[in-house]
Amino acid sequence: MKQRKIAYISETVLTDCDLPLLHELSKEVVVDYYIVVTNNSRQGTLIDLTLKEKGGIYRATEYPELKVLEKWIDLDHVFVVNKPVNHFWEWINFAIAWKGVQLFKKQHYDIIHLTWPLRYCSFALYLLRKKMVITMHDPIPHSSQLTFIKNFHRFCCIRFTPDFILLNKTQKAPFIKAYGISESRVHLSRLSIYTHLKESASAPRFCSNPYILFIGSIHSHKGIEYLCEAMEPIINDLPDMHVIIAGKGQFYFDISRYEKNPNYMFINRYISNEELVSLISNSIAVVCPYIDATQSGVIMSAFALNKPVIATNVGALPETVEDGRYGLLVPLKDSKALERAIRQIIQPGIAQQMSENIAHDYSAGVHSWSSIASGMLDIYDTIINRRKTHDKTH
């Protein structure tokens, strides 16, 4: 039987969840990994690239910075879709997409796996849509990301892509209903811990005091204001307790009164991998006070370092944060409930027991990447066999 051949097309922001999956998949199938990089996305958790001046599709071996990926995947199977211009409408981006179509045809891939809706400059790839499947990291878009162009990309993705993979079961029914998609076209997978963090170096401590951590990009759907409110009475009662809010973005609420308080630390910039490890490892717990959510890479980063998570009971977060075992769940937009949860988790022994639960449950079994990869191979086979059946009958 011919070995399956997969083209996996993704972006730098997803390398932390792509690479452990690809590492497991490549044990069973041939996987060529295409990383789409622009000037605005050259940095990721595991990648910090200097782009080439000329746009095109290059081998990863031409980028010395990518040698770090060798522990997960053979670099002969890694390619960089190098887009040196920032604007998607530049002609070079359309040319690169057409070059990709020709390359993928020549390689005779069985599956072309996307992880994000194609931008309009890459729509030429839809010529190969019969072989496409896409992982929808956000089956229902976040409230802070509803722009015309993103909705247009999503509309075209739903219209032209035959199969979809969701990373949680909670949003399967709403996704099917929202877009009128046949249930047979929607497949389920999941995320596991971001294993690279276990081996990463750690930056020096940011804070010598005990602290609660928010980490991630700053958007209005992240609910950071509720964390800031929740910490005020806790800090009044426990003057040594701190809160760190780390991540890049424009704050959407007034933080001036919190900035005056030395117990609040704002690190408003890109956070390196080493800094991420330091911030999570030295915290008591990570807080995800989101207003809306799908699954969360922040949670998987925290779990990789055995840190419990306090999360709002929204989206698919309850599927991951088992209340009382891996962390605590709180109601939406409720700073008082969040305060109570923080007070509970900082009690002696509580966070430690949850950390032990995480370490035990994510080391193997259904939560592991090997299990997830096995399920992904089944999805690929289902899609390929259905396509073959369709081709025979038409």
Protein backbone atom coordinates (compact mmCIF):
# COMPACT_ATOMS: atom_id res chain seq x y z
CA MET A 1 0.00 0.00 0.00
CA LYS A 2 1.34 3.43 -1.01
CA GLN A 3 2.33 5.59 1.93
CA ARG A 4 0.10 8.61 2.40
CA LYS A 5 1.61 11.97 1.46
CA ILE A 6 0.44 15.10 3.27
CA ALA A 7 1.05 18.80 2.65
CA TYR A 8 0.57 20.61 5.95
CA ILE A 9 0.31 24.40 5.50
CA SER A 10 0.43 26.56 8.62
CA GLU A 11 1.76 29.74 10.21
CA THR A 12 4.43 30.65 12.75
CA VAL A 13 1.90 31.39 15.48
CA LEU A 14 0.82 27.73 15.48
CA THR A 15 4.22 26.03 15.54
CA ASP A 16 3.86 25.10 19.20
CA CYS A 17 0.88 22.85 18.46
CA ASP A 18 1.84 21.90 14.89
CA LEU A 19 5.28 20.45 15.58
CA PRO A 20 4.41 17.80 18.20
CA LEU A 21 1.55 16.65 15.97
CA LEU A 22 3.76 16.52 12.87
CA HIS A 23 6.43 14.65 14.82
CA GLU A 24 3.92 11.88 15.52
CA LEU A 25 2.30 11.93 12.07
CA SER A 26 5.65 11.62 10.29
CA LYS A 27 6.16 8.23 11.92
CA GLU A 28 3.33 6.88 9.76
CA VAL A 29 3.00 9.12 6.67
CA VAL A 30 5.13 11.48 4.59
CA VAL A 31 4.46 15.04 5.80
CA ASP A 32 5.76 18.15 4.05
CA TYR A 33 5.41 21.15 6.34
CA TYR A 34 4.92 24.59 4.71
CA ILE A 35 5.28 27.58 7.07
CA VAL A 36 3.74 30.79 5.72
CA VAL A 37 5.83 33.75 6.88
CA THR A 38 5.39 37.51 6.33
CA ASN A 39 7.16 40.48 7.90
CA ASN A 40 4.28 40.70 10.34
CA SER A 41 4.40 37.02 11.28
CA ARG A 42 8.07 36.13 11.19
CA GLN A 43 8.11 35.58 14.97
CA GLY A 44 6.41 32.66 16.65
CA THR A 45 6.83 30.67 19.82
CA LEU A 46 9.56 28.56 18.22
CA ILE A 47 10.55 30.65 15.21
CA ASP A 48 12.19 34.02 14.66
CA LEU A 49 13.05 34.32 10.97
CA THR A 50 14.84 36.84 8.84
CA LEU A 51 12.92 36.79 5.57
CA LYS A 52 14.59 36.70 2.19
CA GLU A 53 14.13 39.79 0.05
CA LYS A 54 12.73 37.75 -2.83
CA GLY A 55 9.35 36.12 -2.31
CA GLY A 56 8.99 32.42 -2.99
CA ILE A 57 8.91 28.93 -1.52
CA TYR A 58 12.26 27.94 -0.02
CA ARG A 59 13.67 24.92 1.76
CA ALA A 60 13.99 25.29 5.51
CA THR A 61 17.68 24.39 5.23
CA GLU A 62 18.21 27.86 3.72
CA TYR A 63 17.20 29.45 7.05
CA PRO A 64 19.76 28.77 9.80
CA GLU A 65 17.21 29.81 12.43
CA LEU A 66 15.09 26.75 11.61
CA LYS A 67 17.71 24.24 12.68
CA VAL A 68 15.93 24.25 16.06
CA LEU A 69 13.06 22.35 14.43
CA GLU A 70 15.20 19.27 13.76
CA LYS A 71 14.17 17.65 17.04
CA TRP A 72 10.60 17.40 15.73
CA ILE A 73 10.80 16.99 11.98
CA ASP A 74 13.28 16.29 9.19
CA LEU A 75 14.18 19.69 7.72
CA ASP A 76 14.20 18.18 4.23
CA HIS A 77 10.42 18.10 4.62
CA VAL A 78 10.06 21.69 5.84
CA PHE A 79 9.52 24.65 3.52
CA VAL A 80 9.09 28.38 4.06
CA VAL A 81 6.49 30.30 2.06
CA ASN A 82 8.49 33.53 2.14
CA LYS A 83 6.28 36.65 1.75
CA PRO A 84 8.49 39.70 2.32
CA VAL A 85 5.77 42.30 1.65
CA ASN A 86 3.19 43.18 4.28
CA HIS A 87 0.18 43.74 2.01
CA PHE A 88 -1.69 40.68 0.77
CA TRP A 89 -2.67 42.50 -2.45
CA GLU A 90 0.94 42.75 -3.67
CA TRP A 91 1.38 40.81 -6.92
CA ILE A 92 4.20 38.67 -5.50
CA ASN A 93 1.80 37.02 -3.06
CA PHE A 94 -0.50 35.99 -5.88
CA ALA A 95 2.51 34.64 -7.79
CA ILE A 96 3.65 32.62 -4.77
CA ALA A 97 0.20 31.04 -4.47
CA TRP A 98 0.26 30.03 -8.14
CA LYS A 99 3.72 28.55 -7.67
CA GLY A 100 2.30 26.58 -4.75
CA VAL A 101 -0.46 25.15 -6.92
CA GLN A 102 2.08 23.90 -9.45
CA LEU A 103 4.32 22.47 -6.73
CA PHE A 104 1.49 20.64 -4.96
CA LYS A 105 0.28 19.14 -8.23
CA LYS A 106 3.77 17.88 -8.96
CA GLN A 107 4.10 16.33 -5.48
CA HIS A 108 0.81 14.39 -5.81
CA TYR A 109 -0.30 14.95 -2.23
CA ASP A 110 -3.16 12.84 -0.90
CA ILE A 111 -4.20 15.54 1.58
CA ILE A 112 -3.61 19.30 1.68
CA HIS A 113 -4.11 20.29 5.31
CA LEU A 114 -4.65 23.97 6.12
CA THR A 115 -4.76 25.46 9.61
CA TRP A 116 -6.19 28.90 8.79
CA PRO A 117 -8.58 30.26 6.12
CA LEU A 118 -6.66 31.27 3.00
CA ARG A 119 -6.18 34.99 2.42
CA TYR A 120 -7.47 36.27 -0.91
CA CYS A 121 -3.95 36.41 -2.36
CA SER A 122 -3.74 32.63 -1.90
CA PHE A 123 -7.15 31.73 -3.33
CA ALA A 124 -5.47 29.99 -6.28
CA LEU A 125 -4.88 27.06 -3.92
CA TYR A 126 -8.62 26.40 -3.94
CA LEU A 127 -8.01 24.87 -7.37
CA LEU A 128 -6.81 21.88 -5.32
CA ARG A 129 -9.78 21.99 -2.93
CA LYS A 130 -10.84 18.37 -3.54
CA LYS A 131 -7.84 17.30 -1.46
CA MET A 132 -8.23 19.97 1.22
CA VAL A 133 -9.09 19.77 4.88
CA ILE A 134 -8.77 22.65 7.32
CA THR A 135 -8.34 22.77 11.07
CA MET A 136 -10.68 25.50 12.32
CA HIS A 137 -8.92 26.82 15.42
CA ASP A 138 -11.78 29.29 15.83
CA PRO A 139 -14.96 27.57 14.56
CA ILE A 140 -16.96 30.55 15.76
CA PRO A 141 -14.92 33.78 15.37
CA HIS A 142 -13.97 35.80 18.44
CA SER A 143 -16.04 38.91 19.06
CA SER A 144 -12.94 41.10 18.77
CA GLN A 145 -12.00 39.74 15.34
CA LEU A 146 -15.15 40.29 13.29
CA THR A 147 -13.78 42.34 10.42
CA PHE A 148 -15.03 42.47 6.84
CA ILE A 149 -11.91 40.95 5.32
CA LYS A 150 -11.69 38.13 7.88
CA ASN A 151 -15.36 37.34 7.37
CA PHE A 152 -14.74 37.27 3.61
CA HIS A 153 -11.83 34.85 4.01
CA ARG A 154 -13.97 32.67 6.29
CA PHE A 155 -16.93 32.73 3.86
CA CYS A 156 -14.72 31.54 1.00
CA CYS A 157 -13.12 28.90 3.21
CA ILE A 158 -16.53 27.49 4.18
CA ARG A 159 -17.68 27.63 0.55
CA PHE A 160 -14.68 25.93 -1.05
CA THR A 161 -13.19 23.59 1.56
CA PRO A 162 -14.82 20.14 1.66
CA ASP A 163 -13.75 19.01 5.15
CA PHE A 164 -13.21 20.65 8.52
CA ILE A 165 -11.44 19.58 11.71
CA LEU A 166 -12.52 21.09 15.03
CA LEU A 167 -10.40 20.85 18.16
CA ASN A 168 -13.33 20.56 20.55
CA LYS A 169 -16.74 18.90 20.55
CA THR A 170 -18.56 21.78 22.27
CA GLN A 171 -18.61 23.92 19.15
CA LYS A 172 -19.39 21.21 16.61
CA ALA A 173 -23.17 21.69 16.62
CA PRO A 174 -23.01 25.53 16.62
CA PHE A 175 -20.47 25.42 13.76
CA ILE A 176 -22.65 23.12 11.68
CA LYS A 177 -25.72 25.25 12.33
CA ALA A 178 -23.99 28.59 11.71
CA TYR A 179 -22.66 27.61 8.29
CA GLY A 180 -25.12 24.96 7.14
CA ILE A 181 -22.43 22.28 6.85
CA SER A 182 -23.16 18.57 6.58
CA GLU A 183 -22.13 16.73 9.75
CA SER A 184 -20.15 14.22 7.65
CA ARG A 185 -17.78 17.05 6.65
CA VAL A 186 -16.91 17.95 10.25
CA HIS A 187 -14.32 15.86 12.10
CA LEU A 188 -13.10 16.09 15.70
CA SER A 189 -9.57 16.25 17.04
CA ARG A 190 -8.05 18.06 20.05
CA LEU A 191 -4.94 19.74 21.39
CA SER A 192 -2.38 18.42 23.82
CA ILE A 193 0.34 20.12 25.82
CA TYR A 194 3.00 22.20 24.10
CA THR A 195 5.80 19.76 24.77
CA HIS A 196 8.64 22.02 23.59
CA LEU A 197 8.19 24.12 26.72
CA LYS A 198 9.35 21.23 28.89
CA GLU A 199 12.79 21.39 27.27
CA SER A 200 13.05 25.14 26.82
CA ALA A 201 15.49 27.35 28.68
CA SER A 202 13.97 29.77 31.16
CA ALA A 203 14.57 33.48 31.48
CA PRO A 204 15.24 34.94 34.96
CA ARG A 205 12.27 35.53 37.22
CA PHE A 206 10.24 38.64 36.52
CA CYS A 207 8.90 38.88 40.07
CA SER A 208 10.21 37.53 43.37
CA ASN A 209 6.76 37.70 44.98
CA PRO A 210 4.00 35.12 44.52
CA TYR A 211 1.83 36.03 41.54
CA ILE A 212 -1.14 35.13 39.38
CA LEU A 213 -0.50 35.26 35.62
CA PHE A 214 -2.38 36.31 32.52
CA ILE A 215 -0.41 35.68 29.35
CA GLY A 216 -1.41 36.13 25.72
CA SER A 217 -2.22 38.75 23.15
CA ILE A 218 -4.30 41.69 24.34
CA HIS A 219 -7.82 41.66 22.85
CA SER A 220 -11.20 42.77 24.14
CA HIS A 221 -12.52 39.19 24.23
CA LYS A 222 -9.81 38.18 26.73
CA GLY A 223 -11.64 39.70 29.74
CA ILE A 224 -8.48 41.09 31.35
CA GLU A 225 -10.43 43.85 33.08
CA TYR A 226 -12.20 41.23 35.24
CA LEU A 227 -8.87 39.85 36.42
CA CYS A 228 -7.65 43.34 37.32
CA GLU A 229 -10.83 43.94 39.33
CA ALA A 230 -10.64 40.55 41.04
CA MET A 231 -7.08 41.13 42.23
CA GLU A 232 -7.76 44.45 43.99
CA PRO A 233 -9.31 43.05 47.21
CA ILE A 234 -6.85 40.13 47.21
CA ILE A 235 -3.88 42.51 47.07
CA ASN A 236 -5.45 44.64 49.82
CA ASP A 237 -5.62 41.57 52.06
CA LEU A 238 -2.33 40.01 50.92
CA PRO A 239 0.18 42.79 50.16
CA ASP A 240 2.81 40.33 48.88
CA MET A 241 0.50 38.97 46.17
CA HIS A 242 1.10 40.24 42.64
CA VAL A 243 -0.51 39.87 39.23
CA ILE A 244 1.39 39.87 35.94
CA ILE A 245 -0.34 40.63 32.65
CA ALA A 246 2.03 39.76 29.82
CA GLY A 247 1.43 40.00 26.09
CA LYS A 248 1.41 42.29 23.12
CA GLY A 249 -1.51 44.44 22.08
CA GLN A 250 -3.52 47.59 22.65
CA PHE A 251 -5.37 47.71 25.96
CA TYR A 252 -9.06 48.28 25.36
CA PHE A 253 -9.81 49.57 28.89
CA ASP A 254 -8.20 52.15 31.17
CA ILE A 255 -5.32 50.54 33.07
CA SER A 256 -3.90 53.79 34.50
CA ARG A 257 -5.10 53.14 38.05
CA TYR A 258 -3.61 49.65 38.03
CA GLU A 259 -0.31 50.86 36.60
CA LYS A 260 0.10 53.05 39.69
CA ASN A 261 -0.05 49.97 41.90
CA PRO A 262 3.33 48.17 42.11
CA ASN A 263 1.54 44.84 42.67
CA TYR A 264 0.29 44.99 39.06
CA MET A 265 2.95 44.28 36.45
CA PHE A 266 2.19 44.91 32.76
CA ILE A 267 4.59 43.50 30.17
CA ASN A 268 3.05 44.84 26.99
CA ARG A 269 5.26 43.40 24.25
CA TYR A 270 6.14 40.20 22.44
CA ILE A 271 7.03 37.47 24.95
CA SER A 272 9.91 35.17 23.98
CA ASN A 273 9.80 31.44 24.54
CA GLU A 274 12.26 31.67 27.45
CA GLU A 275 10.20 34.44 29.05
CA LEU A 276 7.01 32.43 28.60
CA VAL A 277 8.56 29.48 30.45
CA SER A 278 9.76 31.73 33.26
CA LEU A 279 6.44 33.51 33.65
CA ILE A 280 4.39 30.30 33.76
CA SER A 281 6.82 28.20 35.81
CA ASN A 282 7.13 30.76 38.60
CA SER A 283 3.43 31.62 38.83
CA ILE A 284 0.91 30.12 41.22
CA ALA A 285 -1.65 29.69 38.45
CA VAL A 286 -2.56 31.01 35.02
CA VAL A 287 -5.86 32.85 34.55
CA CYS A 288 -7.89 32.85 31.32
CA PRO A 289 -10.82 35.21 32.07
CA TYR A 290 -12.07 35.10 28.47
CA ILE A 291 -15.42 36.49 27.38
CA ASP A 292 -15.57 34.07 24.47
CA ALA A 293 -13.23 31.27 23.55
CA THR A 294 -12.62 28.10 21.61
CA GLN A 295 -9.86 25.88 22.94
CA SER A 296 -6.80 27.69 24.29
CA GLY A 297 -3.12 27.39 23.50
CA VAL A 298 -2.41 29.30 26.71
CA ILE A 299 -3.97 26.46 28.70
CA MET A 300 -1.84 23.91 26.87
CA SER A 301 1.27 26.00 27.59
CA ALA A 302 0.36 26.12 31.28
CA PHE A 303 -0.34 22.38 31.39
CA ALA A 304 3.00 21.65 29.70
CA LEU A 305 4.63 23.19 32.76
CA ASN A 306 2.13 21.57 35.15
CA LYS A 307 0.46 24.82 36.16
CA PRO A 308 -3.26 24.88 37.00
CA VAL A 309 -5.58 27.26 35.17
CA ILE A 310 -8.53 29.36 36.29
CA ALA A 311 -10.79 29.83 33.28
CA THR A 312 -14.24 31.16 32.50
CA ASN A 313 -16.91 28.61 31.68
CA VAL A 314 -17.16 29.57 28.00
CA GLY A 315 -16.62 27.83 24.67
CA ALA A 316 -14.70 24.60 24.97
CA LEU A 317 -12.60 25.63 27.97
CA PRO A 318 -14.53 23.28 30.31
CA GLU A 319 -13.46 20.36 28.08
CA THR A 320 -9.85 21.11 28.97
CA VAL A 321 -9.93 22.63 32.43
CA GLU A 322 -11.59 19.90 34.46
CA ASP A 323 -12.98 21.84 37.39
CA GLY A 324 -11.25 20.95 40.63
CA ARG A 325 -8.72 18.64 38.97
CA TYR A 326 -6.68 20.77 36.56
CA GLY A 327 -7.89 24.15 37.75
CA LEU A 328 -11.11 26.03 38.45
CA LEU A 329 -13.98 27.27 36.28
CA VAL A 330 -15.76 30.55 36.96
CA PRO A 331 -18.81 32.27 35.41
CA LEU A 332 -18.46 34.73 32.58
CA LYS A 333 -17.71 38.40 33.37
CA ASP A 334 -17.83 37.79 37.12
CA SER A 335 -14.89 39.40 38.93
CA LYS A 336 -16.26 38.37 42.35
CA ALA A 337 -16.34 34.70 41.34
CA LEU A 338 -12.87 35.07 39.87
CA GLU A 339 -11.67 36.59 43.14
CA ARG A 340 -13.05 33.60 45.08
CA ALA A 341 -11.36 31.14 42.71
CA ILE A 342 -8.01 32.91 43.06
CA ARG A 343 -8.34 32.92 46.83
CA GLN A 344 -9.06 29.19 46.72
CA ILE A 345 -6.17 28.24 44.46
CA ILE A 346 -3.57 30.16 46.48
CA GLN A 347 -4.45 28.17 49.59
CA PRO A 348 -1.61 25.84 50.69
CA GLY A 349 -1.53 22.58 48.74
CA ILE A 350 -4.36 23.30 46.29
CA ALA A 351 -2.28 24.38 43.27
CA GLN A 352 0.30 21.67 44.03
CA GLN A 353 -2.30 18.88 43.93
CA MET A 354 -3.68 20.18 40.64
CA SER A 355 -0.15 20.32 39.23
CA GLU A 356 0.35 16.67 40.12
CA ASN A 357 -2.93 15.76 38.41
CA ILE A 358 -1.86 17.52 35.21
CA ALA A 359 1.57 15.87 35.19
CA HIS A 360 -0.01 12.43 35.59
CA ASP A 361 -2.85 12.74 33.08
CA TYR A 362 -0.99 14.40 30.22
CA SER A 363 2.06 12.15 30.16
CA ALA A 364 0.35 9.48 28.01
CA GLY A 365 -3.02 8.09 27.02
CA VAL A 366 -5.90 9.93 25.37
CA HIS A 367 -4.43 13.36 26.13
CA SER A 368 -1.12 12.61 24.36
CA TRP A 369 -0.01 13.74 20.90
CA SER A 370 0.46 10.14 19.76
CA SER A 371 -3.21 9.47 20.44
CA ILE A 372 -4.20 12.68 18.63
CA ALA A 373 -2.03 11.78 15.62
CA SER A 374 -3.67 8.36 15.42
CA GLY A 375 -7.06 10.02 15.27
CA MET A 376 -5.81 12.46 12.62
CA LEU A 377 -4.67 9.57 10.42
CA ASP A 378 -8.15 8.09 10.68
CA ILE A 379 -9.60 11.43 9.52
CA TYR A 380 -7.24 11.49 6.55
CA ASP A 381 -8.21 7.94 5.58
CA THR A 382 -11.91 8.78 5.85
CA ILE A 383 -11.48 11.77 3.54
CA ILE A 384 -9.32 9.90 1.01
CA ASN A 385 -11.62 6.86 0.87
CA ARG A 386 -14.72 9.03 0.47
CA ARG A 387 -13.06 10.92 -2.36
CA LYS A 388 -12.14 7.67 -4.11
CA THR A 389 -15.71 6.41 -3.77
CA HIS A 390 -17.04 9.68 -5.19
CA ASP A 391 -14.62 9.57 -8.12
CA LYS A 392 -15.66 6.00 -9.00
CA THR A 393 -19.35 6.85 -9.03
CA HIS A 394 -19.03 10.05 -11.06
